[in-house]
PDB file of N, CA and C in Angstrom:
ATOM      1  N   MET A   1      14.103  -1.924  -4.575  1.00  0.00           N
ATOM      2  CA  MET A   1      15.408  -2.053  -5.183  1.00  0.00           C
ATOM      3  C   MET A   1      16.435  -1.428  -4.243  1.00  0.00           C
ATOM      4  N   ASN A   2      17.441  -2.193  -3.906  1.00  0.00           N
ATOM      5  CA  ASN A   2      18.503  -1.697  -3.045  1.00  0.00           C
ATOM      6  C   ASN A   2      19.651  -1.203  -3.930  1.00  0.00           C
ATOM      7  N   LEU A   3      19.761   0.106  -4.041  1.00  0.00           N
ATOM      8  CA  LEU A   3      20.768   0.688  -4.935  1.00  0.00           C
ATOM      9  C   LEU A   3      22.190   0.418  -4.472  1.00  0.00           C
ATOM     10  N   THR A   4      22.388   0.307  -3.176  1.00  0.00           N
ATOM     11  CA  THR A   4      23.726   0.002  -2.664  1.00  0.00           C
ATOM     12  C   THR A   4      24.191  -1.342  -3.210  1.00  0.00           C
ATOM     13  N   LYS A   5      23.305  -2.329  -3.172  1.00  0.00           N
ATOM     14  CA  LYS A   5      23.662  -3.651  -3.695  1.00  0.00           C
ATOM     15  C   LYS A   5      23.928  -3.596  -5.195  1.00  0.00           C
ATOM     16  N   VAL A   6      23.119  -2.843  -5.926  1.00  0.00           N
ATOM     17  CA  VAL A   6      23.284  -2.729  -7.373  1.00  0.00           C
ATOM     18  C   VAL A   6      24.637  -2.104  -7.708  1.00  0.00           C
ATOM     19  N   VAL A   7      24.958  -1.002  -7.049  1.00  0.00           N
ATOM     20  CA  VAL A   7      26.219  -0.301  -7.320  1.00  0.00           C
ATOM     21  C   VAL A   7      27.415  -1.151  -6.897  1.00  0.00           C
ATOM     22  N   ASN A   8      27.337  -1.771  -5.735  1.00  0.00           N
ATOM     23  CA  ASN A   8      28.449  -2.606  -5.274  1.00  0.00           C
ATOM     24  C   ASN A   8      28.664  -3.804  -6.192  1.00  0.00           C
ATOM     25  N   LYS A   9      27.580  -4.409  -6.667  1.00  0.00           N
ATOM     26  CA  LYS A   9      27.706  -5.538  -7.587  1.00  0.00           C
ATOM     27  C   LYS A   9      28.329  -5.078  -8.905  1.00  0.00           C
ATOM     28  N   ALA A  10      27.910  -3.924  -9.395  1.00  0.00           N
ATOM     29  CA  ALA A  10      28.486  -3.402 -10.637  1.00  0.00           C
ATOM     30  C   ALA A  10      29.983  -3.149 -10.479  1.00  0.00           C
ATOM     31  N   ALA A  11      30.373  -2.593  -9.346  1.00  0.00           N
ATOM     32  CA  ALA A  11      31.794  -2.328  -9.094  1.00  0.00           C
ATOM     33  C   ALA A  11      32.582  -3.628  -9.005  1.00  0.00           C
ATOM     34  N   THR A  12      32.029  -4.619  -8.339  1.00  0.00           N
ATOM     35  CA  THR A  12      32.694  -5.922  -8.225  1.00  0.00           C
ATOM     36  C   THR A  12      32.785  -6.599  -9.588  1.00  0.00           C
ATOM     37  N   ASP A  13      31.702  -6.543 -10.340  1.00  0.00           N
ATOM     38  CA  ASP A  13      31.705  -7.130 -11.686  1.00  0.00           C
ATOM     39  C   ASP A  13      32.741  -6.453 -12.579  1.00  0.00           C
ATOM     40  N   ALA A  14      32.846  -5.128 -12.487  1.00  0.00           N
ATOM     41  CA  ALA A  14      33.837  -4.401 -13.279  1.00  0.00           C
ATOM     42  C   ALA A  14      35.245  -4.802 -12.871  1.00  0.00           C
ATOM     43  N   SER A  15      35.464  -4.939 -11.581  1.00  0.00           N
ATOM     44  CA  SER A  15      36.772  -5.360 -11.078  1.00  0.00           C
ATOM     45  C   SER A  15      37.125  -6.751 -11.593  1.00  0.00           C
ATOM     46  N   ASN A  16      36.169  -7.659 -11.553  1.00  0.00           N
ATOM     47  CA  ASN A  16      36.400  -9.020 -12.042  1.00  0.00           C
ATOM     48  C   ASN A  16      36.638  -9.037 -13.551  1.00  0.00           C
ATOM     49  N   ALA A  17      35.936  -8.156 -14.262  1.00  0.00           N
ATOM     50  CA  ALA A  17      36.062  -8.115 -15.724  1.00  0.00           C
ATOM     51  C   ALA A  17      37.452  -7.682 -16.171  1.00  0.00           C
ATOM     52  N   ILE A  18      38.086  -6.804 -15.397  1.00  0.00           N
ATOM     53  CA  ILE A  18      39.433  -6.365 -15.792  1.00  0.00           C
ATOM     54  C   ILE A  18      40.506  -7.338 -15.300  1.00  0.00           C
ATOM     55  N   GLY A  19      40.072  -8.325 -14.533  1.00  0.00           N
ATOM     56  CA  GLY A  19      40.978  -9.398 -14.149  1.00  0.00           C
ATOM     57  C   GLY A  19      41.986  -9.058 -13.084  1.00  0.00           C
ATOM     58  N   SER A  20      41.728  -8.024 -12.312  1.00  0.00           N
ATOM     59  CA  SER A  20      42.647  -7.720 -11.222  1.00  0.00           C
ATOM     60  C   SER A  20      41.852  -7.350  -9.985  1.00  0.00           C
ATOM     61  N   SER A  21      42.472  -7.564  -8.873  1.00  0.00           N
ATOM     62  CA  SER A  21      41.831  -7.246  -7.606  1.00  0.00           C
ATOM     63  C   SER A  21      42.096  -5.779  -7.272  1.00  0.00           C
ATOM     64  N   LEU A  22      41.031  -5.056  -7.029  1.00  0.00           N
ATOM     65  CA  LEU A  22      41.169  -3.642  -6.682  1.00  0.00           C
ATOM     66  C   LEU A  22      41.321  -3.485  -5.180  1.00  0.00           C
ATOM     67  N   SER A  23      42.062  -2.472  -4.786  1.00  0.00           N
ATOM     68  CA  SER A  23      42.172  -2.166  -3.364  1.00  0.00           C
ATOM     69  C   SER A  23      40.838  -1.602  -2.886  1.00  0.00           C
ATOM     70  N   GLU A  24      40.679  -1.505  -1.598  1.00  0.00           N
ATOM     71  CA  GLU A  24      39.443  -0.959  -1.026  1.00  0.00           C
ATOM     72  C   GLU A  24      39.210   0.475  -1.499  1.00  0.00           C
ATOM     73  N   ALA A  25      40.270   1.270  -1.558  1.00  0.00           N
ATOM     74  CA  ALA A  25      40.156   2.665  -2.020  1.00  0.00           C
ATOM     75  C   ALA A  25      39.763   2.723  -3.490  1.00  0.00           C
ATOM     76  N   GLU A  26      40.351   1.850  -4.305  1.00  0.00           N
ATOM     77  CA  GLU A  26      40.002   1.816  -5.729  1.00  0.00           C
ATOM     78  C   GLU A  26      38.561   1.373  -5.935  1.00  0.00           C
ATOM     79  N   LEU A  27      38.130   0.392  -5.148  1.00  0.00           N
ATOM     80  CA  LEU A  27      36.753  -0.092  -5.240  1.00  0.00           C
ATOM     81  C   LEU A  27      35.768   1.002  -4.822  1.00  0.00           C
ATOM     82  N   GLU A  28      36.135   1.785  -3.811  1.00  0.00           N
ATOM     83  CA  GLU A  28      35.287   2.908  -3.396  1.00  0.00           C
ATOM     84  C   GLU A  28      35.193   3.962  -4.499  1.00  0.00           C
ATOM     85  N   LYS A  29      36.300   4.251  -5.161  1.00  0.00           N
ATOM     86  CA  LYS A  29      36.288   5.219  -6.266  1.00  0.00           C
ATOM     87  C   LYS A  29      35.415   4.710  -7.412  1.00  0.00           C
ATOM     88  N   LEU A  30      35.553   3.438  -7.729  1.00  0.00           N
ATOM     89  CA  LEU A  30      34.747   2.848  -8.793  1.00  0.00           C
ATOM     90  C   LEU A  30      33.267   2.878  -8.428  1.00  0.00           C
ATOM     91  N   THR A  31      32.952   2.595  -7.182  1.00  0.00           N
ATOM     92  CA  THR A  31      31.570   2.647  -6.711  1.00  0.00           C
ATOM     93  C   THR A  31      31.017   4.059  -6.851  1.00  0.00           C
ATOM     94  N   ALA A  32      31.817   5.059  -6.517  1.00  0.00           N
ATOM     95  CA  ALA A  32      31.379   6.458  -6.643  1.00  0.00           C
ATOM     96  C   ALA A  32      31.133   6.831  -8.098  1.00  0.00           C
ATOM     97  N   ILE A  33      31.987   6.350  -8.994  1.00  0.00           N
ATOM     98  CA  ILE A  33      31.810   6.632 -10.430  1.00  0.00           C
ATOM     99  C   ILE A  33      30.507   6.019 -10.930  1.00  0.00           C
ATOM    100  N   ILE A  34      30.246   4.787 -10.534  1.00  0.00           N
ATOM    101  CA  ILE A  34      29.018   4.110 -10.955  1.00  0.00           C
ATOM    102  C   ILE A  34      27.797   4.811 -10.372  1.00  0.00           C
ATOM    103  N   ALA A  35      27.868   5.193  -9.097  1.00  0.00           N
ATOM    104  CA  ALA A  35      26.744   5.899  -8.464  1.00  0.00           C
ATOM    105  C   ALA A  35      26.467   7.224  -9.170  1.00  0.00           C
ATOM    106  N   LYS A  36      27.523   7.946  -9.543  1.00  0.00           N
ATOM    107  CA  LYS A  36      27.357   9.221 -10.247  1.00  0.00           C
ATOM    108  C   LYS A  36      26.721   9.006 -11.617  1.00  0.00           C
ATOM    109  N   ALA A  37      27.154   7.969 -12.322  1.00  0.00           N
ATOM    110  CA  ALA A  37      26.566   7.663 -13.631  1.00  0.00           C
ATOM    111  C   ALA A  37      25.086   7.321 -13.490  1.00  0.00           C
ATOM    112  N   MET A  38      24.740   6.572 -12.453  1.00  0.00           N
ATOM    113  CA  MET A  38      23.329   6.237 -12.222  1.00  0.00           C
ATOM    114  C   MET A  38      22.533   7.487 -11.862  1.00  0.00           C
ATOM    115  N   GLU A  39      23.130   8.358 -11.069  1.00  0.00           N
ATOM    116  CA  GLU A  39      22.477   9.611 -10.691  1.00  0.00           C
ATOM    117  C   GLU A  39      22.200  10.466 -11.924  1.00  0.00           C
ATOM    118  N   ASP A  40      23.177  10.578 -12.802  1.00  0.00           N
ATOM    119  CA  ASP A  40      22.996  11.337 -14.042  1.00  0.00           C
ATOM    120  C   ASP A  40      21.888  10.731 -14.893  1.00  0.00           C
ATOM    121  N   ALA A  41      21.858   9.406 -14.965  1.00  0.00           N
ATOM    122  CA  ALA A  41      20.821   8.722 -15.746  1.00  0.00           C
ATOM    123  C   ALA A  41      19.435   8.963 -15.150  1.00  0.00           C
ATOM    124  N   VAL A  42      19.338   8.989 -13.836  1.00  0.00           N
ATOM    125  CA  VAL A  42      18.051   9.253 -13.176  1.00  0.00           C
ATOM    126  C   VAL A  42      17.579  10.662 -13.511  1.00  0.00           C
ATOM    127  N   HIS A  43      18.487  11.635 -13.441  1.00  0.00           N
ATOM    128  CA  HIS A  43      18.126  13.021 -13.777  1.00  0.00           C
ATOM    129  C   HIS A  43      17.607  13.120 -15.208  1.00  0.00           C
ATOM    130  N   GLU A  44      18.351  12.548 -16.136  1.00  0.00           N
ATOM    131  CA  GLU A  44      17.985  12.632 -17.554  1.00  0.00           C
ATOM    132  C   GLU A  44      16.649  11.941 -17.817  1.00  0.00           C
ATOM    133  N   THR A  45      16.485  10.758 -17.276  1.00  0.00           N
ATOM    134  CA  THR A  45      15.239  10.016 -17.472  1.00  0.00           C
ATOM    135  C   THR A  45      14.062  10.756 -16.861  1.00  0.00           C
ATOM    136  N   SER A  46      14.258  11.291 -15.680  1.00  0.00           N
ATOM    137  CA  SER A  46      13.192  12.034 -15.005  1.00  0.00           C
ATOM    138  C   SER A  46      12.788  13.267 -15.809  1.00  0.00           C
ATOM    139  N   ASN A  47      13.783  13.983 -16.331  1.00  0.00           N
ATOM    140  CA  ASN A  47      13.476  15.165 -17.142  1.00  0.00           C
ATOM    141  C   ASN A  47      12.690  14.790 -18.392  1.00  0.00           C
ATOM    142  N   GLN A  48      13.084  13.700 -19.042  1.00  0.00           N
ATOM    143  CA  GLN A  48      12.365  13.249 -20.233  1.00  0.00           C
ATOM    144  C   GLN A  48      10.933  12.844 -19.895  1.00  0.00           C
ATOM    145  N   HIS A  49      10.754  12.152 -18.784  1.00  0.00           N
ATOM    146  CA  HIS A  49       9.413  11.736 -18.376  1.00  0.00           C
ATOM    147  C   HIS A  49       8.537  12.938 -18.042  1.00  0.00           C
ATOM    148  N   SER A  50       9.117  13.936 -17.414  1.00  0.00           N
ATOM    149  CA  SER A  50       8.354  15.144 -17.086  1.00  0.00           C
ATOM    150  C   SER A  50       7.872  15.845 -18.345  1.00  0.00           C
ATOM    151  N   LYS A  51       8.737  15.925 -19.350  1.00  0.00           N
ATOM    152  CA  LYS A  51       8.348  16.565 -20.609  1.00  0.00           C
ATOM    153  C   LYS A  51       7.219  15.797 -21.289  1.00  0.00           C
ATOM    154  N   VAL A  52       7.316  14.487 -21.287  1.00  0.00           N
ATOM    155  CA  VAL A  52       6.261  13.665 -21.888  1.00  0.00           C
ATOM    156  C   VAL A  52       4.960  13.859 -21.129  1.00  0.00           C
ATOM    157  N   CYS A  53       5.033  13.893 -19.831  1.00  0.00           N
ATOM    158  CA  CYS A  53       3.845  14.071 -18.991  1.00  0.00           C
ATOM    159  C   CYS A  53       3.137  15.374 -19.334  1.00  0.00           C
ATOM    160  N   VAL A  54       3.882  16.445 -19.396  1.00  0.00           N
ATOM    161  CA  VAL A  54       3.298  17.752 -19.703  1.00  0.00           C
ATOM    162  C   VAL A  54       2.750  17.770 -21.123  1.00  0.00           C
ATOM    163  N   ASN A  55       3.496  17.220 -22.062  1.00  0.00           N
ATOM    164  CA  ASN A  55       3.048  17.211 -23.454  1.00  0.00           C
ATOM    165  C   ASN A  55       1.769  16.400 -23.646  1.00  0.00           C
ATOM    166  N   CYS A  56       1.662  15.297 -22.937  1.00  0.00           N
ATOM    167  CA  CYS A  56       0.494  14.430 -23.104  1.00  0.00           C
ATOM    168  C   CYS A  56      -0.718  14.911 -22.324  1.00  0.00           C
ATOM    169  N   LEU A  57      -0.479  15.716 -21.318  1.00  0.00           N
ATOM    170  CA  LEU A  57      -1.589  16.144 -20.455  1.00  0.00           C
ATOM    171  C   LEU A  57      -1.807  17.651 -20.498  1.00  0.00           C
ATOM    172  N   THR A  58      -1.566  18.275 -21.619  1.00  0.00           N
ATOM    173  CA  THR A  58      -1.741  19.729 -21.702  1.00  0.00           C
ATOM    174  C   THR A  58      -3.179  20.136 -21.391  1.00  0.00           C
ATOM    175  N   HIS A  59      -4.123  19.279 -21.689  1.00  0.00           N
ATOM    176  CA  HIS A  59      -5.525  19.576 -21.404  1.00  0.00           C
ATOM    177  C   HIS A  59      -5.876  19.355 -19.927  1.00  0.00           C
ATOM    178  N   GLU A  60      -4.985  18.685 -19.185  1.00  0.00           N
ATOM    179  CA  GLU A  60      -5.188  18.410 -17.759  1.00  0.00           C
ATOM    180  C   GLU A  60      -3.960  18.858 -16.971  1.00  0.00           C
ATOM    181  N   MET A  61      -3.700  20.153 -16.960  1.00  0.00           N
ATOM    182  CA  MET A  61      -2.472  20.658 -16.343  1.00  0.00           C
ATOM    183  C   MET A  61      -2.398  20.376 -14.844  1.00  0.00           C
ATOM    184  N   ASP A  62      -3.534  20.355 -14.145  1.00  0.00           N
ATOM    185  CA  ASP A  62      -3.507  20.020 -12.719  1.00  0.00           C
ATOM    186  C   ASP A  62      -2.992  18.595 -12.519  1.00  0.00           C
ATOM    187  N   LEU A  63      -3.496  17.681 -13.336  1.00  0.00           N
ATOM    188  CA  LEU A  63      -3.048  16.295 -13.249  1.00  0.00           C
ATOM    189  C   LEU A  63      -1.574  16.184 -13.626  1.00  0.00           C
ATOM    190  N   ALA A  64      -1.168  16.871 -14.669  1.00  0.00           N
ATOM    191  CA  ALA A  64       0.239  16.852 -15.092  1.00  0.00           C
ATOM    192  C   ALA A  64       1.134  17.376 -13.976  1.00  0.00           C
ATOM    193  N   HIS A  65       0.696  18.432 -13.312  1.00  0.00           N
ATOM    194  CA  HIS A  65       1.476  19.010 -12.209  1.00  0.00           C
ATOM    195  C   HIS A  65       1.593  18.017 -11.051  1.00  0.00           C
ATOM    196  N   LYS A  66       0.504  17.357 -10.713  1.00  0.00           N
ATOM    197  CA  LYS A  66       0.527  16.372  -9.620  1.00  0.00           C
ATOM    198  C   LYS A  66       1.458  15.214  -9.953  1.00  0.00           C
ATOM    199  N   ILE A  67       1.411  14.752 -11.187  1.00  0.00           N
ATOM    200  CA  ILE A  67       2.283  13.648 -11.596  1.00  0.00           C
ATOM    201  C   ILE A  67       3.742  14.086 -11.542  1.00  0.00           C
ATOM    202  N   ARG A  68       4.028  15.286 -12.021  1.00  0.00           N
ATOM    203  CA  ARG A  68       5.407  15.800 -11.977  1.00  0.00           C
ATOM    204  C   ARG A  68       5.910  15.915 -10.542  1.00  0.00           C
ATOM    205  N   GLN A  69       5.052  16.374  -9.636  1.00  0.00           N
ATOM    206  CA  GLN A  69       5.455  16.490  -8.231  1.00  0.00           C
ATOM    207  C   GLN A  69       5.788  15.116  -7.650  1.00  0.00           C
ATOM    208  N   GLU A  70       4.959  14.132  -7.935  1.00  0.00           N
ATOM    209  CA  GLU A  70       5.199  12.780  -7.431  1.00  0.00           C
ATOM    210  C   GLU A  70       6.484  12.195  -8.017  1.00  0.00           C
ATOM    211  N   MET A  71       6.706  12.438  -9.295  1.00  0.00           N
ATOM    212  CA  MET A  71       7.933  11.969  -9.929  1.00  0.00           C
ATOM    213  C   MET A  71       9.156  12.643  -9.313  1.00  0.00           C
ATOM    214  N   GLU A  72       9.046  13.915  -9.014  1.00  0.00           N
ATOM    215  CA  GLU A  72      10.159  14.659  -8.408  1.00  0.00           C
ATOM    216  C   GLU A  72      10.480  14.100  -7.024  1.00  0.00           C
ATOM    217  N   LEU A  73       9.463  13.760  -6.244  1.00  0.00           N
ATOM    218  CA  LEU A  73       9.696  13.174  -4.921  1.00  0.00           C
ATOM    219  C   LEU A  73      10.444  11.843  -5.034  1.00  0.00           C
ATOM    220  N   LYS A  74      10.036  11.033  -5.990  1.00  0.00           N
ATOM    221  CA  LYS A  74      10.708   9.741  -6.195  1.00  0.00           C
ATOM    222  C   LYS A  74      12.152   9.952  -6.643  1.00  0.00           C
ATOM    223  N   LYS A  75      12.363  10.927  -7.525  1.00  0.00           N
ATOM    224  CA  LYS A  75      13.711  11.215  -8.013  1.00  0.00           C
ATOM    225  C   LYS A  75      14.605  11.673  -6.868  1.00  0.00           C
ATOM    226  N   VAL A  76      14.094  12.538  -6.028  1.00  0.00           N
ATOM    227  CA  VAL A  76      14.877  13.042  -4.894  1.00  0.00           C
ATOM    228  C   VAL A  76      15.289  11.893  -3.981  1.00  0.00           C
ATOM    229  N   ALA A  77      14.389  10.960  -3.759  1.00  0.00           N
ATOM    230  CA  ALA A  77      14.708   9.804  -2.907  1.00  0.00           C
ATOM    231  C   ALA A  77      15.819   8.947  -3.526  1.00  0.00           C
ATOM    232  N   ILE A  78      15.736   8.713  -4.828  1.00  0.00           N
ATOM    233  CA  ILE A  78      16.758   7.923  -5.510  1.00  0.00           C
ATOM    234  C   ILE A  78      18.094   8.649  -5.491  1.00  0.00           C
ATOM    235  N   ILE A  79      18.080   9.936  -5.771  1.00  0.00           N
ATOM    236  CA  ILE A  79      19.329  10.723  -5.780  1.00  0.00           C
ATOM    237  C   ILE A  79      19.956  10.737  -4.391  1.00  0.00           C
ATOM    238  N   ALA A  80      19.159  10.878  -3.361  1.00  0.00           N
ATOM    239  CA  ALA A  80      19.691  10.861  -1.993  1.00  0.00           C
ATOM    240  C   ALA A  80      20.359   9.522  -1.698  1.00  0.00           C
ATOM    241  N   ASN A  81      19.723   8.449  -2.147  1.00  0.00           N
ATOM    242  CA  ASN A  81      20.288   7.120  -1.949  1.00  0.00           C
ATOM    243  C   ASN A  81      21.616   6.983  -2.684  1.00  0.00           C
ATOM    244  N   LEU A  82      21.662   7.433  -3.925  1.00  0.00           N
ATOM    245  CA  LEU A  82      22.883   7.344  -4.716  1.00  0.00           C
ATOM    246  C   LEU A  82      23.987   8.248  -4.164  1.00  0.00           C
ATOM    247  N   THR A  83      23.611   9.437  -3.720  1.00  0.00           N
ATOM    248  CA  THR A  83      24.594  10.373  -3.170  1.00  0.00           C
ATOM    249  C   THR A  83      25.238   9.795  -1.912  1.00  0.00           C
ATOM    250  N   ALA A  84      24.467   9.063  -1.150  1.00  0.00           N
ATOM    251  CA  ALA A  84      25.012   8.448   0.066  1.00  0.00           C
ATOM    252  C   ALA A  84      26.075   7.395  -0.245  1.00  0.00           C
ATOM    253  N   LEU A  85      26.059   6.872  -1.458  1.00  0.00           N
ATOM    254  CA  LEU A  85      27.051   5.867  -1.845  1.00  0.00           C
ATOM    255  C   LEU A  85      28.404   6.469  -2.169  1.00  0.00           C
ATOM    256  N   ARG A  86      28.430   7.767  -2.453  1.00  0.00           N
ATOM    257  CA  ARG A  86      29.696   8.383  -2.869  1.00  0.00           C
ATOM    258  C   ARG A  86      30.508   8.837  -1.683  1.00  0.00           C
TER     259      ARG A  86
END
């Protein structure tokens, strides 16, 4: 999944939906807002998944820890990608 394309398409779609052409600076601001919203959603979703992982695997804490570490690595990669868009 190319997050740059997703965010840029969302910004363009939003611009088209309001029926006016945004300047390059306005489009960049809108892109940053969308990227930040996606970043916040990734954090929240990741935190919820981590809690479920620990709750479901209390009898296998080593496995739960390994899964959480892998999820954290994926989250960091997504956040880095989104941060680069701002």
